[in-house]
Amino acid sequence: MYKVYMLTPSNLPSEHIGLIKSLEQIYDNLEIEIVNMGDAFKDSKLVIGHTPIASMYRLVLSELLPDCDRCIYMDGDVIVCDDMSELFSLDMDGYYIGAVRDIEAGQYMAQFDYNSSKPDPEGYVNSGFLVMNLKKIREDNLVSRFLELSKERFLFGDQDVINIACKDKILYLDLKYNALVKYRFLSFKEKNYADFITKYFSVKEIHEAIDKPVVIHYAQPLKPWHTPYNYKGNYWYDYINKYIGKDVRDSWIKDYINEKRCDTKTYYKTLFHRILYKAGILRIILKAKHAI
């Protein structure tokens, strides 16, 4: 039985909610609850343009779900490829969260002017997929710390907040549970893996994430609905074509795959991306960039 909570801002149109809730009529083991977050975190100071205020909502999940001891949190830009039920039997005694390392964040953090608090780049994790020990978070009143930190200006918003507040109480998950498309090395041959990658992820772990990802996370400004040339972007299109009816595709999704619906900057970036891909130059550029 799957109980799904969708955390939404107050301006989500009722027809969108109806479409989401209609999934309950298709799957008899699914219950969806829409949680209207109103104007929560409206004053948060977000630095990265494509990060929505809604990313902050996960900080209060332990209070929103008082009867749950554990939950899996996922961003909206993910594809789930395999069963995740084993994550509910993980030994999380002493841990607030389980998450996958974000080993590229450190290079950006080094260039950002943090004030009083700064995350540790060595143990830094991506917050787009979390196994949350809600019971321990409540017991230690961690939400108070989350809310206190959320008032500060951070490079990666809630992700920085989570990393600071949960430091030394993070259970590191295998890469396959959050195969980040921004990890360009996922499309490289083994001989091209740099030392800093294998310091954090074993070659076996990387191969599992490539061959049998459990969760693919399109954590970058260009999403599959902007361009089909994302790493593993075909997974998104396969799901759309296989599981979504033509009427829904035509009414709700088709327009979002039209690149001209993007903002101008994203559109031209997508167009340039496509040209490089077609010319066979994109892989060479990414490989060179990765080696620096």
C-alpha atoms as a PDB file:
ATOM      1  CA  MET A   1       0.000   0.000   0.000  1.00  0.00           C
ATOM      2  CA  TYR A   2       1.418   3.365  -1.063  1.00  0.00           C
ATOM      3  CA  LYS A   3       0.466   6.566   0.753  1.00  0.00           C
ATOM      4  CA  VAL A   4       1.758   9.574  -1.171  1.00  0.00           C
ATOM      5  CA  TYR A   5       1.794  13.095   0.223  1.00  0.00           C
ATOM      6  CA  MET A   6       2.226  15.869  -2.326  1.00  0.00           C
ATOM      7  CA  LEU A   7       3.350  19.160  -0.793  1.00  0.00           C
ATOM      8  CA  THR A   8       2.039  22.025  -2.898  1.00  0.00           C
ATOM      9  CA  PRO A   9       1.830  25.826  -2.817  1.00  0.00           C
ATOM     10  CA  SER A  10      -1.612  27.394  -2.409  1.00  0.00           C
ATOM     11  CA  ASN A  11      -1.889  28.359  -6.085  1.00  0.00           C
ATOM     12  CA  LEU A  12      -1.975  24.817  -7.513  1.00  0.00           C
ATOM     13  CA  PRO A  13      -5.047  24.796  -9.825  1.00  0.00           C
ATOM     14  CA  SER A  14      -7.905  22.485  -8.841  1.00  0.00           C
ATOM     15  CA  GLU A  15      -7.818  20.773 -12.244  1.00  0.00           C
ATOM     16  CA  HIS A  16      -4.186  19.799 -11.609  1.00  0.00           C
ATOM     17  CA  ILE A  17      -5.145  18.357  -8.242  1.00  0.00           C
ATOM     18  CA  GLY A  18      -7.976  16.446  -9.899  1.00  0.00           C
ATOM     19  CA  LEU A  19      -5.622  14.952 -12.472  1.00  0.00           C
ATOM     20  CA  ILE A  20      -3.201  13.823  -9.763  1.00  0.00           C
ATOM     21  CA  LYS A  21      -5.965  12.371  -7.589  1.00  0.00           C
ATOM     22  CA  SER A  22      -7.369  10.456 -10.587  1.00  0.00           C
ATOM     23  CA  LEU A  23      -4.434   8.054 -10.191  1.00  0.00           C
ATOM     24  CA  GLU A  24      -6.260   6.609  -7.180  1.00  0.00           C
ATOM     25  CA  GLN A  25      -8.915   5.285  -9.559  1.00  0.00           C
ATOM     26  CA  ILE A  26      -6.276   3.479 -11.610  1.00  0.00           C
ATOM     27  CA  TYR A  27      -4.286   1.902  -8.764  1.00  0.00           C
ATOM     28  CA  ASP A  28      -6.199   0.306  -5.895  1.00  0.00           C
ATOM     29  CA  ASN A  29      -3.102   0.268  -3.644  1.00  0.00           C
ATOM     30  CA  LEU A  30      -2.498   4.022  -3.873  1.00  0.00           C
ATOM     31  CA  GLU A  31      -3.708   6.873  -1.700  1.00  0.00           C
ATOM     32  CA  ILE A  32      -2.716  10.472  -2.482  1.00  0.00           C
ATOM     33  CA  GLU A  33      -3.055  13.324  -0.032  1.00  0.00           C
ATOM     34  CA  ILE A  34      -2.528  16.888  -1.256  1.00  0.00           C
ATOM     35  CA  VAL A  35      -0.935  19.010   1.472  1.00  0.00           C
ATOM     36  CA  ASN A  36      -1.505  22.719   0.862  1.00  0.00           C
ATOM     37  CA  MET A  37       1.524  24.531   2.275  1.00  0.00           C
ATOM     38  CA  GLY A  38       0.034  27.983   1.775  1.00  0.00           C
ATOM     39  CA  ASP A  39       2.667  30.723   2.000  1.00  0.00           C
ATOM     40  CA  ALA A  40       5.149  28.682   4.032  1.00  0.00           C
ATOM     41  CA  PHE A  41       8.783  29.771   3.581  1.00  0.00           C
ATOM     42  CA  LYS A  42       7.741  32.647   1.297  1.00  0.00           C
ATOM     43  CA  ASP A  43      10.498  34.807   2.805  1.00  0.00           C
ATOM     44  CA  SER A  44      13.266  32.258   2.261  1.00  0.00           C
ATOM     45  CA  LYS A  45      16.342  33.605   0.499  1.00  0.00           C
ATOM     46  CA  LEU A  46      16.923  31.297  -2.468  1.00  0.00           C
ATOM     47  CA  VAL A  47      20.030  31.917  -4.569  1.00  0.00           C
ATOM     48  CA  ILE A  48      19.680  29.479  -7.485  1.00  0.00           C
ATOM     49  CA  GLY A  49      17.015  30.603  -9.929  1.00  0.00           C
ATOM     50  CA  HIS A  50      15.535  27.221 -10.847  1.00  0.00           C
ATOM     51  CA  THR A  51      15.109  26.165  -7.197  1.00  0.00           C
ATOM     52  CA  PRO A  52      11.487  26.699  -6.107  1.00  0.00           C
ATOM     53  CA  ILE A  53      10.312  27.765  -2.640  1.00  0.00           C
ATOM     54  CA  ALA A  54       8.580  24.365  -2.472  1.00  0.00           C
ATOM     55  CA  SER A  55      11.999  22.772  -1.962  1.00  0.00           C
ATOM     56  CA  MET A  56      11.876  24.091   1.617  1.00  0.00           C
ATOM     57  CA  TYR A  57       8.706  22.160   2.472  1.00  0.00           C
ATOM     58  CA  ARG A  58      10.581  18.939   3.253  1.00  0.00           C
ATOM     59  CA  LEU A  59      12.073  20.614   6.333  1.00  0.00           C
ATOM     60  CA  VAL A  60       8.791  20.264   8.249  1.00  0.00           C
ATOM     61  CA  LEU A  61       7.771  16.750   7.177  1.00  0.00           C
ATOM     62  CA  SER A  62       8.175  15.370  10.702  1.00  0.00           C
ATOM     63  CA  GLU A  63       5.444  17.775  11.856  1.00  0.00           C
ATOM     64  CA  LEU A  64       3.223  17.285   8.809  1.00  0.00           C
ATOM     65  CA  LEU A  65       3.289  13.496   9.320  1.00  0.00           C
ATOM     66  CA  PRO A  66       3.066  13.111  13.121  1.00  0.00           C
ATOM     67  CA  ASP A  67       1.952   9.471  12.907  1.00  0.00           C
ATOM     68  CA  CYS A  68       4.780   8.374  10.603  1.00  0.00           C
ATOM     69  CA  ASP A  69       8.149   7.215  11.936  1.00  0.00           C
ATOM     70  CA  ARG A  70       9.807   7.146   8.537  1.00  0.00           C
ATOM     71  CA  CYS A  71       9.176   8.460   5.043  1.00  0.00           C
ATOM     72  CA  ILE A  72      10.864   8.655   1.664  1.00  0.00           C
ATOM     73  CA  TYR A  73      11.039  12.165   0.261  1.00  0.00           C
ATOM     74  CA  MET A  74      11.512  12.755  -3.478  1.00  0.00           C
ATOM     75  CA  ASP A  75      11.739  15.873  -5.617  1.00  0.00           C
ATOM     76  CA  GLY A  76       9.324  16.164  -8.519  1.00  0.00           C
ATOM     77  CA  ASP A  77      12.011  15.769 -11.192  1.00  0.00           C
ATOM     78  CA  VAL A  78      12.702  12.068 -10.565  1.00  0.00           C
ATOM     79  CA  ILE A  79      11.851   8.774 -12.204  1.00  0.00           C
ATOM     80  CA  VAL A  80      11.494   5.710  -9.964  1.00  0.00           C
ATOM     81  CA  CYS A  81      12.752   2.635 -11.817  1.00  0.00           C
ATOM     82  CA  ASP A  82      12.632  -0.093  -9.171  1.00  0.00           C
ATOM     83  CA  ASP A  83      11.113  -1.110  -5.849  1.00  0.00           C
ATOM     84  CA  MET A  84      12.276   0.946  -2.867  1.00  0.00           C
ATOM     85  CA  SER A  85      10.574  -0.927  -0.032  1.00  0.00           C
ATOM     86  CA  GLU A  86      13.877  -2.199   1.380  1.00  0.00           C
ATOM     87  CA  LEU A  87      14.659   1.365   2.429  1.00  0.00           C
ATOM     88  CA  PHE A  88      11.944   1.117   5.077  1.00  0.00           C
ATOM     89  CA  SER A  89      13.869  -1.688   6.793  1.00  0.00           C
ATOM     90  CA  LEU A  90      17.216   0.128   6.881  1.00  0.00           C
ATOM     91  CA  ASP A  91      18.807   0.369  10.318  1.00  0.00           C
ATOM     92  CA  MET A  92      18.617   4.116  10.884  1.00  0.00           C
ATOM     93  CA  ASP A  93      19.235   4.091  14.599  1.00  0.00           C
ATOM     94  CA  GLY A  94      21.137   7.306  15.366  1.00  0.00           C
ATOM     95  CA  TYR A  95      20.622   8.791  11.888  1.00  0.00           C
ATOM     96  CA  TYR A  96      18.306  11.632  10.891  1.00  0.00           C
ATOM     97  CA  ILE A  97      18.392  10.946   7.167  1.00  0.00           C
ATOM     98  CA  GLY A  98      19.676   8.542   4.546  1.00  0.00           C
ATOM     99  CA  ALA A  99      20.926  10.228   1.365  1.00  0.00           C
ATOM    100  CA  VAL A 100      23.350  10.037  -1.569  1.00  0.00           C
ATOM    101  CA  ARG A 101      26.509  12.138  -1.621  1.00  0.00           C
ATOM    102  CA  ASP A 102      26.646  15.278  -3.745  1.00  0.00           C
ATOM    103  CA  ILE A 103      30.358  15.334  -4.509  1.00  0.00           C
ATOM    104  CA  GLU A 104      30.235  18.235  -6.966  1.00  0.00           C
ATOM    105  CA  ALA A 105      28.593  20.768  -4.648  1.00  0.00           C
ATOM    106  CA  GLY A 106      31.865  21.564  -2.880  1.00  0.00           C
ATOM    107  CA  GLN A 107      33.411  23.352  -5.856  1.00  0.00           C
ATOM    108  CA  TYR A 108      30.495  25.803  -5.941  1.00  0.00           C
ATOM    109  CA  MET A 109      30.349  26.194  -2.165  1.00  0.00           C
ATOM    110  CA  ALA A 110      33.992  27.291  -2.137  1.00  0.00           C
ATOM    111  CA  GLN A 111      33.048  30.321  -4.236  1.00  0.00           C
ATOM    112  CA  PHE A 112      30.029  31.337  -2.148  1.00  0.00           C
ATOM    113  CA  ASP A 113      30.139  33.784   0.748  1.00  0.00           C
ATOM    114  CA  TYR A 114      28.572  31.919   3.657  1.00  0.00           C
ATOM    115  CA  ASN A 115      27.838  33.840   6.843  1.00  0.00           C
ATOM    116  CA  SER A 116      27.751  32.103  10.222  1.00  0.00           C
ATOM    117  CA  SER A 117      27.043  28.535   9.085  1.00  0.00           C
ATOM    118  CA  LYS A 118      28.616  26.507   6.304  1.00  0.00           C
ATOM    119  CA  PRO A 119      28.066  22.870   5.271  1.00  0.00           C
ATOM    120  CA  ASP A 120      30.902  20.363   5.254  1.00  0.00           C
ATOM    121  CA  PRO A 121      31.682  19.592   1.572  1.00  0.00           C
ATOM    122  CA  GLU A 122      33.279  16.251   2.477  1.00  0.00           C
ATOM    123  CA  GLY A 123      30.089  14.732   3.834  1.00  0.00           C
ATOM    124  CA  TYR A 124      27.657  16.725   1.713  1.00  0.00           C
ATOM    125  CA  VAL A 125      24.518  14.998   0.367  1.00  0.00           C
ATOM    126  CA  ASN A 126      21.859  15.777  -2.220  1.00  0.00           C
ATOM    127  CA  SER A 127      18.440  16.408  -0.669  1.00  0.00           C
ATOM    128  CA  GLY A 128      16.373  15.440  -3.730  1.00  0.00           C
ATOM    129  CA  PHE A 129      15.979  11.903  -2.398  1.00  0.00           C
ATOM    130  CA  LEU A 130      15.888  11.309   1.345  1.00  0.00           C
ATOM    131  CA  VAL A 131      14.978   8.507   3.695  1.00  0.00           C
ATOM    132  CA  MET A 132      13.873  10.497   6.725  1.00  0.00           C
ATOM    133  CA  ASN A 133      13.869   9.187  10.300  1.00  0.00           C
ATOM    134  CA  LEU A 134      10.902  11.319  11.315  1.00  0.00           C
ATOM    135  CA  LYS A 135      10.764   9.806  14.785  1.00  0.00           C
ATOM    136  CA  LYS A 136      14.313  10.855  15.680  1.00  0.00           C
ATOM    137  CA  ILE A 137      13.871  14.253  14.016  1.00  0.00           C
ATOM    138  CA  ARG A 138      10.888  14.847  16.315  1.00  0.00           C
ATOM    139  CA  GLU A 139      12.624  13.461  19.396  1.00  0.00           C
ATOM    140  CA  ASP A 140      15.572  15.827  18.929  1.00  0.00           C
ATOM    141  CA  ASN A 141      13.364  18.780  17.933  1.00  0.00           C
ATOM    142  CA  LEU A 142      15.427  19.164  14.777  1.00  0.00           C
ATOM    143  CA  VAL A 143      12.719  21.164  13.009  1.00  0.00           C
ATOM    144  CA  SER A 144      13.503  24.127  15.250  1.00  0.00           C
ATOM    145  CA  ARG A 145      17.067  24.024  13.973  1.00  0.00           C
ATOM    146  CA  PHE A 146      15.818  23.654  10.380  1.00  0.00           C
ATOM    147  CA  LEU A 147      13.586  26.703  10.727  1.00  0.00           C
ATOM    148  CA  GLU A 148      16.302  28.759  12.376  1.00  0.00           C
ATOM    149  CA  LEU A 149      18.727  28.002   9.551  1.00  0.00           C
ATOM    150  CA  SER A 150      16.082  28.524   6.847  1.00  0.00           C
ATOM    151  CA  LYS A 151      16.155  32.266   7.583  1.00  0.00           C
ATOM    152  CA  GLU A 152      19.776  32.497   6.450  1.00  0.00           C
ATOM    153  CA  ARG A 153      20.988  32.942   2.893  1.00  0.00           C
ATOM    154  CA  PHE A 154      22.503  29.717   1.562  1.00  0.00           C
ATOM    155  CA  LEU A 155      23.749  28.734  -1.869  1.00  0.00           C
ATOM    156  CA  PHE A 156      21.692  25.531  -2.044  1.00  0.00           C
ATOM    157  CA  GLY A 157      18.807  26.589   0.203  1.00  0.00           C
ATOM    158  CA  ASP A 158      17.192  23.745   2.121  1.00  0.00           C
ATOM    159  CA  GLN A 159      19.906  21.346   0.984  1.00  0.00           C
ATOM    160  CA  ASP A 160      22.500  23.379   2.874  1.00  0.00           C
ATOM    161  CA  VAL A 161      20.138  23.581   5.855  1.00  0.00           C
ATOM    162  CA  ILE A 162      19.734  19.797   5.945  1.00  0.00           C
ATOM    163  CA  ASN A 163      23.465  19.176   5.604  1.00  0.00           C
ATOM    164  CA  ILE A 164      24.326  21.564   8.422  1.00  0.00           C
ATOM    165  CA  ALA A 165      21.629  20.393  10.829  1.00  0.00           C
ATOM    166  CA  CYS A 166      22.086  16.655  10.150  1.00  0.00           C
ATOM    167  CA  LYS A 167      25.893  16.616  10.116  1.00  0.00           C
ATOM    168  CA  ASP A 168      27.375  13.363  11.510  1.00  0.00           C
ATOM    169  CA  LYS A 169      23.911  11.788  11.562  1.00  0.00           C
ATOM    170  CA  ILE A 170      23.605  10.980   7.853  1.00  0.00           C
ATOM    171  CA  LEU A 171      23.459   7.419   6.531  1.00  0.00           C
ATOM    172  CA  TYR A 172      25.060   7.381   3.083  1.00  0.00           C
ATOM    173  CA  LEU A 173      23.028   5.494   0.472  1.00  0.00           C
ATOM    174  CA  ASP A 174      24.265   3.850  -2.707  1.00  0.00           C
ATOM    175  CA  LEU A 175      24.388   6.049  -5.801  1.00  0.00           C
ATOM    176  CA  LYS A 176      21.627   4.005  -7.488  1.00  0.00           C
ATOM    177  CA  TYR A 177      19.072   5.575  -5.129  1.00  0.00           C
ATOM    178  CA  ASN A 178      19.766   9.044  -6.516  1.00  0.00           C
ATOM    179  CA  ALA A 179      21.481   8.718  -9.890  1.00  0.00           C
ATOM    180  CA  LEU A 180      22.024  12.411 -10.508  1.00  0.00           C
ATOM    181  CA  VAL A 181      22.070  13.293 -14.187  1.00  0.00           C
ATOM    182  CA  LYS A 182      24.498  16.121 -13.414  1.00  0.00           C
ATOM    183  CA  TYR A 183      27.081  13.425 -12.642  1.00  0.00           C
ATOM    184  CA  ARG A 184      28.593  13.393 -16.119  1.00  0.00           C
ATOM    185  CA  PHE A 185      30.876  10.518 -15.175  1.00  0.00           C
ATOM    186  CA  LEU A 186      27.857   8.201 -15.381  1.00  0.00           C
ATOM    187  CA  SER A 187      28.292   8.306 -19.167  1.00  0.00           C
ATOM    188  CA  PHE A 188      32.085   7.870 -19.126  1.00  0.00           C
ATOM    189  CA  LYS A 189      34.087   4.706 -19.504  1.00  0.00           C
ATOM    190  CA  GLU A 190      35.646   3.319 -16.357  1.00  0.00           C
ATOM    191  CA  LYS A 191      39.184   4.334 -17.328  1.00  0.00           C
ATOM    192  CA  ASN A 192      38.094   7.978 -17.281  1.00  0.00           C
ATOM    193  CA  TYR A 193      36.891   8.003 -13.671  1.00  0.00           C
ATOM    194  CA  ALA A 194      38.891  10.548 -11.690  1.00  0.00           C
ATOM    195  CA  ASP A 195      40.291   9.778  -8.236  1.00  0.00           C
ATOM    196  CA  PHE A 196      37.921  12.179  -6.512  1.00  0.00           C
ATOM    197  CA  ILE A 197      34.967  10.143  -7.840  1.00  0.00           C
ATOM    198  CA  THR A 198      36.169   6.724  -6.714  1.00  0.00           C
ATOM    199  CA  LYS A 199      37.041   8.252  -3.344  1.00  0.00           C
ATOM    200  CA  TYR A 200      33.297   8.454  -2.670  1.00  0.00           C
ATOM    201  CA  PHE A 201      31.728   5.879  -4.998  1.00  0.00           C
ATOM    202  CA  SER A 202      33.113   2.431  -5.776  1.00  0.00           C
ATOM    203  CA  VAL A 203      33.266   1.341  -9.414  1.00  0.00           C
ATOM    204  CA  LYS A 204      30.684  -1.349  -8.615  1.00  0.00           C
ATOM    205  CA  GLU A 205      28.373   1.281  -7.130  1.00  0.00           C
ATOM    206  CA  ILE A 206      28.717   3.479 -10.218  1.00  0.00           C
ATOM    207  CA  HIS A 207      27.978   0.557 -12.543  1.00  0.00           C
ATOM    208  CA  GLU A 208      24.845  -0.298 -10.543  1.00  0.00           C
ATOM    209  CA  ALA A 209      23.643   3.289 -10.858  1.00  0.00           C
ATOM    210  CA  ILE A 210      24.227   3.171 -14.619  1.00  0.00           C
ATOM    211  CA  ASP A 211      22.783  -0.275 -15.342  1.00  0.00           C
ATOM    212  CA  LYS A 212      20.031  -0.598 -12.712  1.00  0.00           C
ATOM    213  CA  PRO A 213      19.190   2.808 -11.226  1.00  0.00           C
ATOM    214  CA  VAL A 214      16.464   2.796  -8.610  1.00  0.00           C
ATOM    215  CA  VAL A 215      15.864   6.553  -8.886  1.00  0.00           C
ATOM    216  CA  ILE A 216      16.993   8.850 -11.696  1.00  0.00           C
ATOM    217  CA  HIS A 217      17.122  12.481 -10.625  1.00  0.00           C
ATOM    218  CA  TYR A 218      17.120  15.162 -13.331  1.00  0.00           C
ATOM    219  CA  ALA A 219      18.812  17.655 -11.004  1.00  0.00           C
ATOM    220  CA  GLN A 220      19.792  20.377 -13.436  1.00  0.00           C
ATOM    221  CA  PRO A 221      18.006  23.321 -15.096  1.00  0.00           C
ATOM    222  CA  LEU A 222      17.423  21.416 -18.356  1.00  0.00           C
ATOM    223  CA  LYS A 223      14.813  18.722 -17.792  1.00  0.00           C
ATOM    224  CA  PRO A 224      13.774  15.902 -20.178  1.00  0.00           C
ATOM    225  CA  TRP A 225      10.681  17.912 -21.119  1.00  0.00           C
ATOM    226  CA  HIS A 226      13.027  20.682 -22.310  1.00  0.00           C
ATOM    227  CA  THR A 227      15.348  18.457 -24.315  1.00  0.00           C
ATOM    228  CA  PRO A 228      15.485  14.708 -25.061  1.00  0.00           C
ATOM    229  CA  TYR A 229      19.279  14.772 -24.848  1.00  0.00           C
ATOM    230  CA  ASN A 230      19.518  14.605 -21.070  1.00  0.00           C
ATOM    231  CA  TYR A 231      21.405  11.662 -19.651  1.00  0.00           C
ATOM    232  CA  LYS A 232      18.770   8.917 -19.201  1.00  0.00           C
ATOM    233  CA  GLY A 233      16.154  11.301 -20.606  1.00  0.00           C
ATOM    234  CA  ASN A 234      14.736   8.383 -22.573  1.00  0.00           C
ATOM    235  CA  TYR A 235      13.468   6.893 -19.280  1.00  0.00           C
ATOM    236  CA  TRP A 236      11.143   9.873 -18.846  1.00  0.00           C
ATOM    237  CA  TYR A 237       9.790   9.583 -22.395  1.00  0.00           C
ATOM    238  CA  ASP A 238       9.373   5.811 -22.035  1.00  0.00           C
ATOM    239  CA  TYR A 239       7.203   6.307 -18.942  1.00  0.00           C
ATOM    240  CA  ILE A 240       5.152   9.019 -20.620  1.00  0.00           C
ATOM    241  CA  ASN A 241       4.476   6.893 -23.701  1.00  0.00           C
ATOM    242  CA  LYS A 242       3.912   3.604 -21.897  1.00  0.00           C
ATOM    243  CA  TYR A 243       1.865   4.591 -18.862  1.00  0.00           C
ATOM    244  CA  ILE A 244       0.123   7.876 -19.702  1.00  0.00           C
ATOM    245  CA  GLY A 245      -2.970   7.795 -21.919  1.00  0.00           C
ATOM    246  CA  LYS A 246      -2.961   9.706 -25.197  1.00  0.00           C
ATOM    247  CA  ASP A 247      -5.759  12.023 -24.032  1.00  0.00           C
ATOM    248  CA  VAL A 248      -3.721  13.093 -21.006  1.00  0.00           C
ATOM    249  CA  ARG A 249      -0.556  13.403 -23.068  1.00  0.00           C
ATOM    250  CA  ASP A 250      -2.311  15.639 -25.589  1.00  0.00           C
ATOM    251  CA  SER A 251      -4.141  17.755 -23.012  1.00  0.00           C
ATOM    252  CA  TRP A 252      -1.487  18.144 -20.318  1.00  0.00           C
ATOM    253  CA  ILE A 253       1.986  17.103 -21.392  1.00  0.00           C
ATOM    254  CA  LYS A 254       2.433  17.862 -25.076  1.00  0.00           C
ATOM    255  CA  ASP A 255       2.842  21.614 -24.576  1.00  0.00           C
ATOM    256  CA  TYR A 256       5.509  21.111 -21.923  1.00  0.00           C
ATOM    257  CA  ILE A 257       7.634  19.115 -24.345  1.00  0.00           C
ATOM    258  CA  ASN A 258       7.495  22.014 -26.780  1.00  0.00           C
ATOM    259  CA  GLU A 259      10.793  23.829 -26.209  1.00  0.00           C
ATOM    260  CA  LYS A 260       9.278  27.201 -27.098  1.00  0.00           C
ATOM    261  CA  ARG A 261       7.308  27.102 -23.844  1.00  0.00           C
ATOM    262  CA  CYS A 262      10.636  27.493 -21.981  1.00  0.00           C
ATOM    263  CA  ASP A 263      11.988  30.881 -21.041  1.00  0.00           C
ATOM    264  CA  THR A 264      14.273  32.382 -23.696  1.00  0.00           C
ATOM    265  CA  LYS A 265      17.526  31.504 -21.930  1.00  0.00           C
ATOM    266  CA  THR A 266      16.504  27.868 -21.469  1.00  0.00           C
ATOM    267  CA  TYR A 267      15.275  27.622 -25.060  1.00  0.00           C
ATOM    268  CA  TYR A 268      18.566  28.778 -26.589  1.00  0.00           C
ATOM    269  CA  LYS A 269      20.577  26.667 -24.156  1.00  0.00           C
ATOM    270  CA  THR A 270      18.496  23.666 -25.245  1.00  0.00           C
ATOM    271  CA  LEU A 271      19.002  24.499 -28.914  1.00  0.00           C
ATOM    272  CA  PHE A 272      22.769  24.809 -28.427  1.00  0.00           C
ATOM    273  CA  HIS A 273      22.728  21.547 -26.485  1.00  0.00           C
ATOM    274  CA  ARG A 274      21.021  19.804 -29.409  1.00  0.00           C
ATOM    275  CA  ILE A 275      23.488  21.169 -31.979  1.00  0.00           C
ATOM    276  CA  LEU A 276      26.462  19.982 -29.914  1.00  0.00           C
ATOM    277  CA  TYR A 277      24.854  16.583 -29.446  1.00  0.00           C
ATOM    278  CA  LYS A 278      24.119  16.125 -33.150  1.00  0.00           C
ATOM    279  CA  ALA A 279      27.668  17.165 -34.044  1.00  0.00           C
ATOM    280  CA  GLY A 280      29.159  14.656 -31.594  1.00  0.00           C
ATOM    281  CA  ILE A 281      30.887  17.456 -29.706  1.00  0.00           C
ATOM    282  CA  LEU A 282      28.868  17.370 -26.469  1.00  0.00           C
ATOM    283  CA  ARG A 283      30.514  14.223 -25.078  1.00  0.00           C
ATOM    284  CA  ILE A 284      33.989  15.602 -25.841  1.00  0.00           C
ATOM    285  CA  ILE A 285      33.204  18.858 -24.029  1.00  0.00           C
ATOM    286  CA  LEU A 286      31.760  17.122 -20.981  1.00  0.00           C
ATOM    287  CA  LYS A 287      34.721  14.774 -20.834  1.00  0.00           C
ATOM    288  CA  ALA A 288      37.196  17.671 -20.972  1.00  0.00           C
ATOM    289  CA  LYS A 289      35.267  19.631 -18.377  1.00  0.00           C
ATOM    290  CA  HIS A 290      35.168  16.621 -16.085  1.00  0.00           C
ATOM    291  CA  ALA A 291      38.941  16.127 -16.321  1.00  0.00           C
ATOM    292  CA  ILE A 292      39.731  19.670 -15.127  1.00  0.00           C
END
